Amino acid sequence: MPAQDLVSLLVAFGRAVRRAGVSVGAGDLLTFSAATVPLDPTDLLDLYWAGRTTLVKRRDDIAVYDEVFREFFLGEKNPVEELLDAQLRATATAGAVVDVPATDPPAEAAEQDEDEVEMGLAASSVTAVRSKAFGACTDEELVALRRIMQQFRLTPPRRRTRRSRPARHGHRPDMRRTVRRSLHLLGEPVVMQWRRRRVKVRPLILLLDVSGSMADYSRALLQFAHSARQATQRVEVFCFGTRLTRITVPLRRRSPDAALAEAAGAVVDWDGGTRIGGCLDEFARTWGRRGMARGAVIVICSDGLDRGSPQVLDTAMERLSRLSHSIVWMNPHRGSNRDYRPQTVAMMVAEPHIDVLLSGHDLDSLAELAGLLPTL
């Protein structure tokens, strides 16, 4: 679409929102047009959020904006709320996932609504790709999985700290606030004030194996790490093969392409050998000793094919288990087998120190990790 036609379309949509009762000025339209420059204008999901963040200033106007957006771009008068989310996701993934055969549709299918057919194909294909191993995905399917990963919102577990905060209810009386409020009333008795212990997010540490044996999974796991870093700031990411490399700083960039390119450039042993024990020992002795791993949740993504000494790995895992709150190991060789038992020497050595063993070979397993974290 030419730039002039796109700007005309955005201005027409802004005027439609203004006619519906939302306060939209000329400056808001300029901001809306500028916000779509780094985005994909053909992606309705990007277009929706660009308009909502620039044109809507009051919470009460969100419902009006949603109705105008549906009518303007989707041609729907009164759809249910769930239909908007489903159609946005289907539009975002249909072009990359759905591969429709070039045959004439039957007469019955021609009578169906075109949007419903497209949404159904997209939903079924997305479901199939979610449970497909990363190594077996095509380039188009990996692009679709990448878009889905960007929507992940990790919630690390929380812990109660020693510090407390004022609360309406609790088990610890706040005598200072109680006396202060009583003085305002000239010594008259008042309702007892309470305090409650503060809740703090636990650090999340991702240790990603980027050796040659993990080539089919390392890039997808790196994309997952970028999504996790964007969701919460208390995430540290390391890559290891024959040496340990911290890539937290490159993954702070909002652009996935720029972040992954900078992170890949910082890792000099990509697709090389594996020294799991030596790298974990280096992390425990340097970064862990500085306090990064204290009370944290450590997620190790590796297939367990180690060329180093098993004794070094056992010592490193024992030290990490004492420093951290819990250790989660994601082994792609586990797959969907719930009865999987470690076969390599490294996995047998590390198993006694692992709290949770997951697979990490497909998108469903990564979603399982995201759902597991708050419960740890």
Protein backbone atom coordinates (compact mmCIF):
# COMPACT_ATOMS: atom_id res chain seq x y z
CA MET A 1 0.00 0.00 0.00
CA PRO A 2 1.46 3.44 -0.96
CA ALA A 3 2.30 5.73 1.94
CA GLN A 4 -0.16 8.39 0.79
CA ASP A 5 -3.04 5.90 0.67
CA LEU A 6 -2.10 4.58 4.12
CA VAL A 7 -2.12 8.08 5.63
CA SER A 8 -5.50 8.79 4.05
CA LEU A 9 -6.86 5.56 5.53
CA LEU A 10 -5.54 6.41 9.00
CA VAL A 11 -6.96 9.95 8.83
CA ALA A 12 -10.36 8.59 7.75
CA PHE A 13 -10.34 6.17 10.67
CA GLY A 14 -9.40 8.95 13.10
CA ARG A 15 -12.26 11.08 11.83
CA ALA A 16 -14.64 8.14 12.28
CA VAL A 17 -13.49 7.80 15.89
CA ARG A 18 -14.02 11.54 16.41
CA ARG A 19 -17.54 11.37 14.94
CA ALA A 20 -18.33 8.62 17.44
CA GLY A 21 -17.72 11.03 20.31
CA VAL A 22 -14.03 10.50 21.14
CA SER A 23 -11.91 13.63 21.42
CA VAL A 24 -9.36 13.31 18.59
CA GLY A 25 -7.37 16.31 17.39
CA ALA A 26 -5.01 16.94 14.50
CA GLY A 27 -2.00 16.28 16.73
CA ASP A 28 -3.44 12.92 17.71
CA LEU A 29 -3.76 11.95 14.05
CA LEU A 30 -0.12 12.89 13.44
CA THR A 31 0.95 10.78 16.41
CA PHE A 32 -1.20 7.89 15.19
CA SER A 33 0.39 8.06 11.72
CA ALA A 34 3.90 8.22 13.20
CA ALA A 35 3.20 5.25 15.48
CA THR A 36 2.44 3.01 12.49
CA VAL A 37 5.80 3.68 10.79
CA PRO A 38 7.82 0.95 12.63
CA LEU A 39 4.81 -1.41 12.61
CA ASP A 40 3.22 -3.58 9.95
CA PRO A 41 0.22 -1.60 8.59
CA THR A 42 -1.29 -4.81 7.18
CA ASP A 43 -1.40 -6.36 10.65
CA LEU A 44 -4.72 -5.47 12.27
CA LEU A 45 -3.32 -6.27 15.70
CA ASP A 46 -0.54 -3.68 15.33
CA LEU A 47 -2.97 -1.19 13.83
CA TYR A 48 -5.45 -1.68 16.68
CA TRP A 49 -2.96 -1.03 19.47
CA ALA A 50 -1.33 1.88 17.63
CA GLY A 51 -4.71 3.62 17.43
CA ARG A 52 -5.77 2.74 20.94
CA THR A 53 -2.59 4.08 22.54
CA THR A 54 -2.60 7.35 20.55
CA LEU A 55 -6.27 8.19 20.01
CA VAL A 56 -7.88 7.02 23.26
CA LYS A 57 -7.21 9.10 26.38
CA ARG A 58 -10.11 8.07 28.64
CA ARG A 59 -11.01 4.59 29.82
CA ASP A 60 -14.67 5.21 29.00
CA ASP A 61 -13.78 5.72 25.32
CA ILE A 62 -12.26 2.26 24.88
CA ALA A 63 -15.60 0.60 24.14
CA VAL A 64 -16.45 3.30 21.57
CA TYR A 65 -13.03 2.91 19.94
CA ASP A 66 -13.44 -0.89 19.72
CA GLU A 67 -16.83 -0.55 18.06
CA VAL A 68 -15.58 1.98 15.49
CA PHE A 69 -12.50 -0.18 14.78
CA ARG A 70 -14.62 -3.27 14.15
CA GLU A 71 -17.02 -1.40 11.90
CA PHE A 72 -14.30 0.47 9.97
CA PHE A 73 -11.78 -2.36 9.36
CA LEU A 74 -13.85 -5.52 9.77
CA GLY A 75 -17.25 -4.34 8.58
CA GLU A 76 -19.09 -5.65 11.63
CA LYS A 77 -21.85 -3.79 13.45
CA ASN A 78 -22.40 -5.60 16.77
CA PRO A 79 -20.05 -8.62 17.20
CA VAL A 80 -19.27 -10.11 20.56
CA GLU A 81 -16.05 -9.15 22.33
CA GLU A 82 -14.36 -12.53 21.86
CA LEU A 83 -14.79 -12.33 18.08
CA LEU A 84 -12.55 -9.26 17.88
CA ASP A 85 -9.63 -11.00 19.59
CA ALA A 86 -10.09 -14.14 17.52
CA GLN A 87 -10.18 -12.24 14.24
CA LEU A 88 -7.15 -10.12 15.11
CA ARG A 89 -5.09 -13.21 15.95
CA ALA A 90 -6.31 -15.06 12.88
CA THR A 91 -5.42 -12.15 10.62
CA ALA A 92 -1.96 -11.90 12.18
CA THR A 93 -1.10 -15.58 11.71
CA ALA A 94 -3.14 -16.72 8.71
CA GLY A 95 -0.67 -15.46 6.12
CA ALA A 96 2.28 -17.22 7.76
CA VAL A 97 0.65 -20.47 8.85
CA VAL A 98 -2.24 -21.37 6.55
CA ASP A 99 -1.34 -23.03 3.29
CA VAL A 100 -4.59 -23.50 1.32
CA PRO A 101 -4.49 -25.90 -1.68
CA ALA A 102 -5.15 -24.30 -5.10
CA THR A 103 -8.36 -26.19 -5.84
CA ASP A 104 -11.88 -24.97 -6.52
CA PRO A 105 -13.96 -24.85 -3.32
CA PRO A 106 -17.16 -26.91 -3.19
CA ALA A 107 -20.51 -25.24 -3.54
CA GLU A 108 -21.27 -25.61 0.17
CA ALA A 109 -18.06 -23.84 1.18
CA ALA A 110 -18.73 -20.97 -1.22
CA GLU A 111 -21.91 -20.18 0.67
CA GLN A 112 -20.10 -19.85 3.99
CA ASP A 113 -18.86 -16.54 5.28
CA GLU A 114 -15.31 -15.91 4.02
CA ASP A 115 -14.03 -14.52 7.31
CA GLU A 116 -15.24 -17.55 9.30
CA VAL A 117 -13.49 -19.94 6.88
CA GLU A 118 -10.23 -18.00 7.18
CA MET A 119 -10.44 -17.90 10.97
CA GLY A 120 -11.16 -21.62 11.20
CA LEU A 121 -8.19 -22.55 9.01
CA ALA A 122 -5.91 -20.24 10.96
CA ALA A 123 -7.06 -21.58 14.32
CA SER A 124 -6.56 -25.22 13.31
CA SER A 125 -3.12 -24.52 11.83
CA VAL A 126 -1.98 -22.56 14.87
CA THR A 127 -3.09 -25.44 17.09
CA ALA A 128 -1.02 -27.86 15.01
CA VAL A 129 2.07 -25.64 15.02
CA ARG A 130 1.94 -25.14 18.80
CA SER A 131 2.57 -28.85 19.36
CA LYS A 132 5.12 -29.24 16.56
CA ALA A 133 8.79 -29.54 17.47
CA PHE A 134 10.91 -26.53 16.59
CA GLY A 135 13.31 -28.66 14.56
CA ALA A 136 10.47 -29.91 12.33
CA CYS A 137 8.95 -26.47 11.63
CA THR A 138 9.34 -24.71 8.31
CA ASP A 139 10.57 -21.12 8.04
CA GLU A 140 6.98 -19.85 7.70
CA GLU A 141 5.88 -21.79 10.77
CA LEU A 142 8.82 -20.47 12.79
CA VAL A 143 7.78 -16.92 11.85
CA ALA A 144 4.26 -17.66 13.08
CA LEU A 145 5.60 -19.14 16.34
CA ARG A 146 7.77 -16.10 16.80
CA ARG A 147 4.73 -13.81 16.57
CA ILE A 148 2.92 -15.91 19.17
CA MET A 149 5.93 -15.85 21.51
CA GLN A 150 5.87 -12.05 21.45
CA GLN A 151 2.50 -12.21 23.20
CA PHE A 152 3.85 -14.32 26.10
CA ARG A 153 3.63 -12.65 29.49
CA LEU A 154 5.70 -14.47 32.07
CA THR A 155 4.81 -14.07 35.74
CA PRO A 156 7.75 -15.11 37.94
CA PRO A 157 6.93 -16.43 41.41
CA ARG A 158 6.85 -14.03 44.33
CA ARG A 159 8.23 -14.20 47.84
CA ARG A 160 7.48 -12.42 51.10
CA THR A 161 10.26 -10.09 52.22
CA ARG A 162 11.26 -9.05 55.74
CA ARG A 163 10.01 -5.54 55.12
CA SER A 164 6.38 -4.68 55.77
CA ARG A 165 3.87 -2.17 54.44
CA PRO A 166 0.61 -0.64 55.74
CA ALA A 167 -2.45 -2.79 55.14
CA ARG A 168 -6.13 -2.84 56.03
CA HIS A 169 -5.83 -6.30 57.55
CA GLY A 170 -2.93 -8.28 58.88
CA HIS A 171 -1.36 -10.04 61.84
CA ARG A 172 1.18 -7.37 62.85
CA PRO A 173 -0.16 -4.17 64.47
CA ASP A 174 1.21 -0.85 63.24
CA MET A 175 1.58 1.02 66.51
CA ARG A 176 3.10 4.15 64.97
CA ARG A 177 0.18 4.76 62.62
CA THR A 178 -2.30 3.83 65.34
CA VAL A 179 -0.87 6.36 67.83
CA ARG A 180 -0.53 9.03 65.14
CA ARG A 181 -4.16 8.69 64.15
CA SER A 182 -5.19 8.75 67.80
CA LEU A 183 -3.32 12.05 68.33
CA HIS A 184 -5.28 13.63 65.50
CA LEU A 185 -8.42 12.78 67.48
CA LEU A 186 -7.03 14.20 70.80
CA GLY A 187 -6.31 10.79 72.25
CA GLU A 188 -9.65 9.21 71.43
CA PRO A 189 -9.41 5.48 70.64
CA VAL A 190 -9.34 4.63 66.94
CA VAL A 191 -9.39 1.49 64.83
CA MET A 192 -6.18 -0.53 65.10
CA GLN A 193 -3.82 -0.13 62.11
CA TRP A 194 -1.99 -3.12 60.66
CA ARG A 195 1.06 -3.97 58.60
CA ARG A 196 1.72 -6.80 56.17
CA ARG A 197 4.96 -8.19 54.78
CA ARG A 198 5.88 -6.93 51.32
CA VAL A 199 5.81 -9.26 48.33
CA LYS A 200 8.71 -9.21 45.88
CA VAL A 201 9.18 -10.89 42.50
CA ARG A 202 11.82 -13.58 42.48
CA PRO A 203 14.62 -13.21 39.91
CA LEU A 204 14.34 -15.45 36.84
CA ILE A 205 17.56 -16.71 35.25
CA LEU A 206 17.59 -18.41 31.83
CA LEU A 207 20.66 -20.47 30.91
CA LEU A 208 20.42 -21.42 27.22
CA ASP A 209 22.52 -24.11 25.58
CA VAL A 210 23.59 -22.88 22.11
CA SER A 211 25.88 -25.77 21.21
CA GLY A 212 25.67 -27.69 17.94
CA SER A 213 23.38 -30.39 19.35
CA MET A 214 20.82 -27.70 20.29
CA ALA A 215 20.83 -25.97 16.89
CA ASP A 216 17.19 -26.92 16.17
CA TYR A 217 15.98 -25.33 19.41
CA SER A 218 18.43 -22.62 20.49
CA ARG A 219 17.08 -19.86 18.22
CA ALA A 220 13.47 -20.46 19.29
CA LEU A 221 14.56 -20.50 22.94
CA LEU A 222 16.43 -17.23 22.39
CA GLN A 223 13.23 -15.68 21.03
CA PHE A 224 11.41 -16.95 24.11
CA ALA A 225 14.09 -15.35 26.30
CA HIS A 226 13.59 -12.02 24.52
CA SER A 227 9.83 -12.18 25.15
CA ALA A 228 10.49 -13.00 28.80
CA ARG A 229 12.92 -10.08 29.11
CA GLN A 230 10.34 -7.69 27.64
CA ALA A 231 7.62 -8.97 30.00
CA THR A 232 9.54 -8.45 33.24
CA GLN A 233 12.78 -6.70 34.10
CA ARG A 234 13.89 -9.26 36.68
CA VAL A 235 15.13 -11.69 34.01
CA GLU A 236 18.77 -12.52 33.37
CA VAL A 237 19.73 -14.48 30.25
CA PHE A 238 22.98 -16.38 29.63
CA CYS A 239 24.11 -18.52 26.70
CA PHE A 240 26.64 -21.28 27.03
CA GLY A 241 28.43 -23.77 24.83
CA THR A 242 32.11 -24.00 25.64
CA ARG A 243 31.99 -20.69 27.55
CA LEU A 244 29.42 -18.60 29.40
CA THR A 245 28.10 -15.36 27.84
CA ARG A 246 25.67 -12.88 29.41
CA ILE A 247 23.21 -11.51 26.82
CA THR A 248 20.77 -9.67 29.10
CA VAL A 249 21.82 -6.24 27.83
CA PRO A 250 21.27 -6.99 24.09
CA LEU A 251 17.85 -8.48 24.83
CA ARG A 252 16.70 -5.20 26.39
CA ARG A 253 16.08 -3.79 22.91
CA ARG A 254 12.43 -3.76 21.94
CA SER A 255 13.00 -4.80 18.32
CA PRO A 256 13.26 -8.63 18.25
CA ASP A 257 15.42 -8.66 15.10
CA ALA A 258 17.92 -6.14 16.47
CA ALA A 259 18.00 -7.80 19.90
CA LEU A 260 18.56 -11.32 18.56
CA ALA A 261 21.18 -10.16 16.06
CA GLU A 262 23.15 -8.31 18.75
CA ALA A 263 22.84 -11.27 21.14
CA ALA A 264 24.00 -13.74 18.48
CA GLY A 265 26.96 -11.50 17.72
CA ALA A 266 28.01 -11.53 21.37
CA VAL A 267 28.06 -15.35 21.55
CA VAL A 268 31.32 -16.58 20.00
CA ASP A 269 30.73 -20.31 20.55
CA TRP A 270 27.38 -20.63 18.78
CA ASP A 271 26.80 -24.16 17.35
CA GLY A 272 30.06 -25.34 18.87
CA GLY A 273 30.94 -27.84 21.59
CA THR A 274 29.38 -28.26 25.03
CA ARG A 275 30.82 -27.84 28.51
CA ILE A 276 27.71 -27.74 30.68
CA GLY A 277 29.47 -28.43 33.94
CA GLY A 278 32.21 -25.85 33.37
CA CYS A 279 29.77 -23.13 32.31
CA LEU A 280 27.38 -23.75 35.21
CA ASP A 281 30.31 -23.79 37.59
CA GLU A 282 31.50 -20.44 36.20
CA PHE A 283 28.02 -18.98 36.64
CA ALA A 284 27.79 -20.24 40.23
CA ARG A 285 31.26 -18.98 41.21
CA THR A 286 30.98 -15.54 39.56
CA TRP A 287 27.43 -14.33 39.02
CA GLY A 288 25.84 -16.61 41.60
CA ARG A 289 28.30 -15.64 44.30
CA ARG A 290 27.51 -11.96 43.71
CA GLY A 291 23.92 -12.60 44.72
CA MET A 292 22.19 -12.93 41.33
CA ALA A 293 21.13 -16.52 41.95
CA ARG A 294 20.14 -16.05 45.59
CA GLY A 295 16.48 -17.00 45.90
CA ALA A 296 16.05 -17.06 42.11
CA VAL A 297 14.34 -19.50 39.77
CA ILE A 298 16.97 -20.94 37.40
CA VAL A 299 15.79 -22.38 34.07
CA ILE A 300 18.41 -24.46 32.23
CA CYS A 301 17.60 -25.26 28.59
CA SER A 302 19.92 -28.03 27.41
CA ASP A 303 19.84 -31.56 25.98
CA GLY A 304 22.39 -32.76 28.55
CA LEU A 305 25.09 -33.78 26.05
CA ASP A 306 28.15 -32.71 28.02
CA ARG A 307 31.79 -33.30 27.10
CA GLY A 308 33.10 -32.12 30.44
CA SER A 309 33.67 -33.84 33.75
CA PRO A 310 30.55 -35.18 35.53
CA GLN A 311 32.13 -34.25 38.87
CA VAL A 312 32.32 -30.59 37.85
CA LEU A 313 28.67 -30.64 36.81
CA ASP A 314 27.61 -32.29 40.06
CA THR A 315 29.49 -29.67 42.11
CA ALA A 316 28.00 -26.80 40.10
CA MET A 317 24.43 -28.13 40.35
CA GLU A 318 24.81 -28.67 44.09
CA ARG A 319 26.03 -25.10 44.55
CA LEU A 320 23.18 -23.72 42.43
CA SER A 321 20.59 -25.74 44.33
CA ARG A 322 21.78 -24.16 47.58
CA LEU A 323 21.79 -20.63 46.19
CA SER A 324 18.55 -20.68 44.20
CA HIS A 325 14.92 -21.19 45.13
CA SER A 326 14.29 -23.86 42.48
CA ILE A 327 15.90 -25.29 39.32
CA VAL A 328 13.90 -26.08 36.18
CA TRP A 329 15.63 -28.10 33.45
CA MET A 330 14.17 -28.10 29.94
CA ASN A 331 15.41 -31.02 27.82
CA PRO A 332 14.07 -31.21 24.23
CA HIS A 333 14.79 -34.96 24.15
CA ARG A 334 12.04 -35.46 26.71
CA GLY A 335 9.44 -34.42 24.16
CA SER A 336 5.89 -35.36 25.06
CA ASN A 337 6.99 -38.45 27.00
CA ARG A 338 5.82 -38.01 30.59
CA ASP A 339 7.72 -41.15 31.64
CA TYR A 340 11.04 -39.90 30.32
CA ARG A 341 14.09 -40.91 32.30
CA PRO A 342 17.54 -39.33 31.79
CA GLN A 343 19.78 -41.31 29.47
CA THR A 344 22.97 -39.23 29.32
CA VAL A 345 25.55 -39.13 32.07
CA ALA A 346 25.14 -35.37 32.54
CA MET A 347 21.37 -35.65 33.02
CA MET A 348 21.79 -38.52 35.48
CA VAL A 349 24.24 -36.41 37.49
CA ALA A 350 22.02 -33.32 37.42
CA GLU A 351 18.69 -35.07 38.10
CA PRO A 352 18.95 -35.14 41.93
CA HIS A 353 19.31 -31.33 41.96
CA ILE A 354 16.44 -30.61 39.52
CA ASP A 355 13.07 -29.56 40.93
CA VAL A 356 11.08 -29.65 37.68
CA LEU A 357 11.92 -31.39 34.38
CA LEU A 358 10.20 -30.08 31.22
CA SER A 359 10.78 -30.61 27.52
CA GLY A 360 11.03 -27.21 25.80
CA HIS A 361 10.83 -28.72 22.31
CA ASP A 362 7.67 -26.92 21.15
CA LEU A 363 5.49 -23.92 21.92
CA ASP A 364 3.16 -25.87 24.20
CA SER A 365 6.06 -26.81 26.47
CA LEU A 366 7.13 -23.16 26.70
CA ALA A 367 3.54 -22.23 27.57
CA GLU A 368 3.66 -24.96 30.24
CA LEU A 369 6.72 -23.27 31.73
CA ALA A 370 4.96 -19.90 31.70
CA GLY A 371 2.01 -21.40 33.57
CA LEU A 372 4.28 -23.22 36.02
CA LEU A 373 6.40 -20.26 37.12
CA PRO A 374 3.80 -18.50 39.32
CA THR A 375 3.22 -21.72 41.26
CA LEU A 376 6.85 -22.36 42.19
